[in-house]
Amino acid sequence: QVHFVESGGGLVQPGGSLTLSCAVSGVTHSNNVMAWYRQAPGQSRERVASISKTGGKNFADAVKGRFTVSRDDAKNMMYLQMNNLKPEDTAVYFCNNLGGNWPWGQGTQVTVSS
C-alpha cells in the first residue's frame, strides 16, 4: 500500500520561503516520476512540479522561477522548495506520482498572508 506523508507547511508572509517534504512508503518511488500538487479552496487540484528519476524537472507556469523540486531516492523522500511566496500560493500541497493515481495523503497546508 502506497502511503504519502507531506509536511513542512505553515503560515508565511508574502515573499517568504518554505520547504515541503514528502515521505513515501510502500513503493520504490525511484522508479517513478514524482510530482507535487496543490489544491486551493474551491478549486481543483493542480500539478505544480514534477521530477523524473533522472532529475528532469517541470514546473507549472505559475511557480516557475520560484519553486524547485528535488528527490532523495535513498530515503524515499521528495522536497519542494518554495521561494518568493505569493498569496495565490495558498493551498493544501500533496505529493503523488505523475499520474496522481496512488492514494492521496493528507497534504500540508501552506498559507501565504500578511
C-alpha atoms as a PDB file:
ATOM      1  CA  GLN A   1       0.000   0.000   0.000  1.00  0.00           C
ATOM      2  CA  VAL A   2       1.480   3.308  -1.107  1.00  0.00           C
ATOM      3  CA  HIS A   3       1.446   5.951   1.591  1.00  0.00           C
ATOM      4  CA  PHE A   4       2.430   9.614   1.434  1.00  0.00           C
ATOM      5  CA  VAL A   5       3.144  11.920   4.346  1.00  0.00           C
ATOM      6  CA  GLU A   6       3.543  15.572   3.458  1.00  0.00           C
ATOM      7  CA  SER A   7       4.988  18.058   5.947  1.00  0.00           C
ATOM      8  CA  GLY A   8       6.582  21.470   6.240  1.00  0.00           C
ATOM      9  CA  GLY A   9       3.622  23.701   5.557  1.00  0.00           C
ATOM     10  CA  GLY A  10       2.678  26.706   7.621  1.00  0.00           C
ATOM     11  CA  LEU A  11       1.845  30.391   7.649  1.00  0.00           C
ATOM     12  CA  VAL A  12       4.317  32.634   5.866  1.00  0.00           C
ATOM     13  CA  GLN A  13       4.313  36.252   4.785  1.00  0.00           C
ATOM     14  CA  PRO A  14       4.369  37.183   1.106  1.00  0.00           C
ATOM     15  CA  GLY A  15       7.912  36.964  -0.182  1.00  0.00           C
ATOM     16  CA  GLY A  16       8.815  34.288   2.323  1.00  0.00           C
ATOM     17  CA  SER A  17      10.026  30.745   1.786  1.00  0.00           C
ATOM     18  CA  LEU A  18       9.046  27.247   2.850  1.00  0.00           C
ATOM     19  CA  THR A  19      10.369  23.789   2.130  1.00  0.00           C
ATOM     20  CA  LEU A  20       7.888  20.944   1.958  1.00  0.00           C
ATOM     21  CA  SER A  21       8.813  17.303   2.448  1.00  0.00           C
ATOM     22  CA  CYS A  22       7.148  14.181   1.137  1.00  0.00           C
ATOM     23  CA  ALA A  23       7.852  10.806   2.701  1.00  0.00           C
ATOM     24  CA  VAL A  24       6.893   7.867   0.508  1.00  0.00           C
ATOM     25  CA  SER A  25       6.359   4.321   1.709  1.00  0.00           C
ATOM     26  CA  GLY A  26       5.011   1.165   0.171  1.00  0.00           C
ATOM     27  CA  VAL A  27       6.687   1.670  -3.191  1.00  0.00           C
ATOM     28  CA  THR A  28      10.138   2.241  -4.559  1.00  0.00           C
ATOM     29  CA  HIS A  29       9.487   5.733  -5.787  1.00  0.00           C
ATOM     30  CA  SER A  30      12.833   5.894  -7.525  1.00  0.00           C
ATOM     31  CA  ASN A  31      11.198   4.054 -10.415  1.00  0.00           C
ATOM     32  CA  ASN A  32       8.606   6.753 -10.871  1.00  0.00           C
ATOM     33  CA  VAL A  33       8.199  10.331 -11.956  1.00  0.00           C
ATOM     34  CA  MET A  34       7.035  12.071  -8.811  1.00  0.00           C
ATOM     35  CA  ALA A  35       5.065  15.283  -8.540  1.00  0.00           C
ATOM     36  CA  TRP A  36       3.783  17.947  -6.209  1.00  0.00           C
ATOM     37  CA  TYR A  37       0.197  19.102  -6.462  1.00  0.00           C
ATOM     38  CA  ARG A  38      -1.854  21.736  -4.712  1.00  0.00           C
ATOM     39  CA  GLN A  39      -5.497  22.428  -4.138  1.00  0.00           C
ATOM     40  CA  ALA A  40      -6.776  25.836  -3.165  1.00  0.00           C
ATOM     41  CA  PRO A  41     -10.225  26.271  -1.573  1.00  0.00           C
ATOM     42  CA  GLY A  42     -12.955  25.855  -4.128  1.00  0.00           C
ATOM     43  CA  GLN A  43     -10.543  24.864  -6.864  1.00  0.00           C
ATOM     44  CA  SER A  44      -9.491  21.591  -8.419  1.00  0.00           C
ATOM     45  CA  ARG A  45      -6.149  20.005  -7.666  1.00  0.00           C
ATOM     46  CA  GLU A  46      -3.351  21.149  -9.957  1.00  0.00           C
ATOM     47  CA  ARG A  47       0.152  19.869 -10.542  1.00  0.00           C
ATOM     48  CA  VAL A  48       2.862  22.388  -9.711  1.00  0.00           C
ATOM     49  CA  ALA A  49       6.087  20.435 -10.200  1.00  0.00           C
ATOM     50  CA  SER A  50       7.406  17.058 -11.245  1.00  0.00           C
ATOM     51  CA  ILE A  51      10.758  15.329 -11.167  1.00  0.00           C
ATOM     52  CA  SER A  52      11.851  12.227 -13.030  1.00  0.00           C
ATOM     53  CA  LYS A  53      14.144   9.517 -11.726  1.00  0.00           C
ATOM     54  CA  THR A  54      16.952  11.075 -13.766  1.00  0.00           C
ATOM     55  CA  GLY A  55      16.325  14.512 -12.268  1.00  0.00           C
ATOM     56  CA  GLY A  56      14.388  16.065 -15.120  1.00  0.00           C
ATOM     57  CA  LYS A  57      12.067  18.750 -13.755  1.00  0.00           C
ATOM     58  CA  ASN A  58       8.936  20.502 -14.912  1.00  0.00           C
ATOM     59  CA  PHE A  59       7.052  23.353 -13.301  1.00  0.00           C
ATOM     60  CA  ALA A  60       3.699  24.998 -13.742  1.00  0.00           C
ATOM     61  CA  ASP A  61       3.967  28.468 -15.225  1.00  0.00           C
ATOM     62  CA  ALA A  62       2.609  29.994 -12.033  1.00  0.00           C
ATOM     63  CA  VAL A  63       5.594  28.782  -9.992  1.00  0.00           C
ATOM     64  CA  LYS A  64       8.456  28.814 -12.498  1.00  0.00           C
ATOM     65  CA  GLY A  65      11.486  30.607 -11.172  1.00  0.00           C
ATOM     66  CA  ARG A  66      10.170  30.488  -7.600  1.00  0.00           C
ATOM     67  CA  PHE A  67       9.786  26.783  -6.772  1.00  0.00           C
ATOM     68  CA  THR A  68      12.244  23.970  -7.161  1.00  0.00           C
ATOM     69  CA  VAL A  69      11.822  20.251  -6.621  1.00  0.00           C
ATOM     70  CA  SER A  70      14.288  17.601  -5.526  1.00  0.00           C
ATOM     71  CA  ARG A  71      14.271  13.963  -4.523  1.00  0.00           C
ATOM     72  CA  ASP A  72      16.350  11.656  -2.372  1.00  0.00           C
ATOM     73  CA  ASP A  73      15.680   8.157  -3.612  1.00  0.00           C
ATOM     74  CA  ALA A  74      17.848   6.571  -0.922  1.00  0.00           C
ATOM     75  CA  LYS A  75      15.460   7.968   1.678  1.00  0.00           C
ATOM     76  CA  ASN A  76      12.294   7.707  -0.436  1.00  0.00           C
ATOM     77  CA  MET A  77      11.796  11.429   0.002  1.00  0.00           C
ATOM     78  CA  MET A  78      10.860  14.352  -2.220  1.00  0.00           C
ATOM     79  CA  TYR A  79      11.056  18.059  -1.469  1.00  0.00           C
ATOM     80  CA  LEU A  80       9.549  21.293  -2.741  1.00  0.00           C
ATOM     81  CA  GLN A  81      11.498  24.468  -2.062  1.00  0.00           C
ATOM     82  CA  MET A  82       9.186  27.453  -2.414  1.00  0.00           C
ATOM     83  CA  ASN A  83      10.602  30.961  -2.573  1.00  0.00           C
ATOM     84  CA  ASN A  84       9.037  34.386  -3.039  1.00  0.00           C
ATOM     85  CA  LEU A  85       5.684  33.018  -1.962  1.00  0.00           C
ATOM     86  CA  LYS A  86       2.536  34.829  -3.009  1.00  0.00           C
ATOM     87  CA  PRO A  87      -0.974  34.826  -1.516  1.00  0.00           C
ATOM     88  CA  GLU A  88      -2.152  32.856  -4.541  1.00  0.00           C
ATOM     89  CA  ASP A  89       0.164  30.014  -3.498  1.00  0.00           C
ATOM     90  CA  THR A  90      -2.127  29.389  -0.526  1.00  0.00           C
ATOM     91  CA  ALA A  91      -3.337  25.800  -0.818  1.00  0.00           C
ATOM     92  CA  VAL A  92      -3.020  22.301   0.548  1.00  0.00           C
ATOM     93  CA  TYR A  93       0.030  20.684  -1.044  1.00  0.00           C
ATOM     94  CA  PHE A  94       0.181  16.998  -1.881  1.00  0.00           C
ATOM     95  CA  CYS A  95       2.682  14.613  -3.423  1.00  0.00           C
ATOM     96  CA  ASN A  96       1.976  11.648  -5.671  1.00  0.00           C
ATOM     97  CA  ASN A  97       3.266  10.099  -8.833  1.00  0.00           C
ATOM     98  CA  LEU A  98       2.905  11.981 -12.116  1.00  0.00           C
ATOM     99  CA  GLY A  99      -0.468  10.479 -12.863  1.00  0.00           C
ATOM    100  CA  GLY A 100      -1.774  11.115  -9.377  1.00  0.00           C
ATOM    101  CA  ASN A 101      -3.173   7.634  -9.307  1.00  0.00           C
ATOM    102  CA  TRP A 102      -1.887   6.410  -5.969  1.00  0.00           C
ATOM    103  CA  PRO A 103      -3.842   7.043  -2.751  1.00  0.00           C
ATOM    104  CA  TRP A 104      -3.534  10.658  -1.679  1.00  0.00           C
ATOM    105  CA  GLY A 105      -2.041  11.680   1.641  1.00  0.00           C
ATOM    106  CA  GLN A 106      -3.437  14.313   3.986  1.00  0.00           C
ATOM    107  CA  GLY A 107      -1.393  17.076   2.422  1.00  0.00           C
ATOM    108  CA  THR A 108       0.198  20.024   4.169  1.00  0.00           C
ATOM    109  CA  GLN A 109      -1.403  23.459   4.403  1.00  0.00           C
ATOM    110  CA  VAL A 110       0.501  26.449   3.088  1.00  0.00           C
ATOM    111  CA  THR A 111      -0.945  29.850   3.876  1.00  0.00           C
ATOM    112  CA  VAL A 112       0.653  32.989   2.486  1.00  0.00           C
ATOM    113  CA  SER A 113      -0.694  36.063   4.187  1.00  0.00           C
ATOM    114  CA  SER A 114       0.457  39.244   5.838  1.00  0.00           C
END
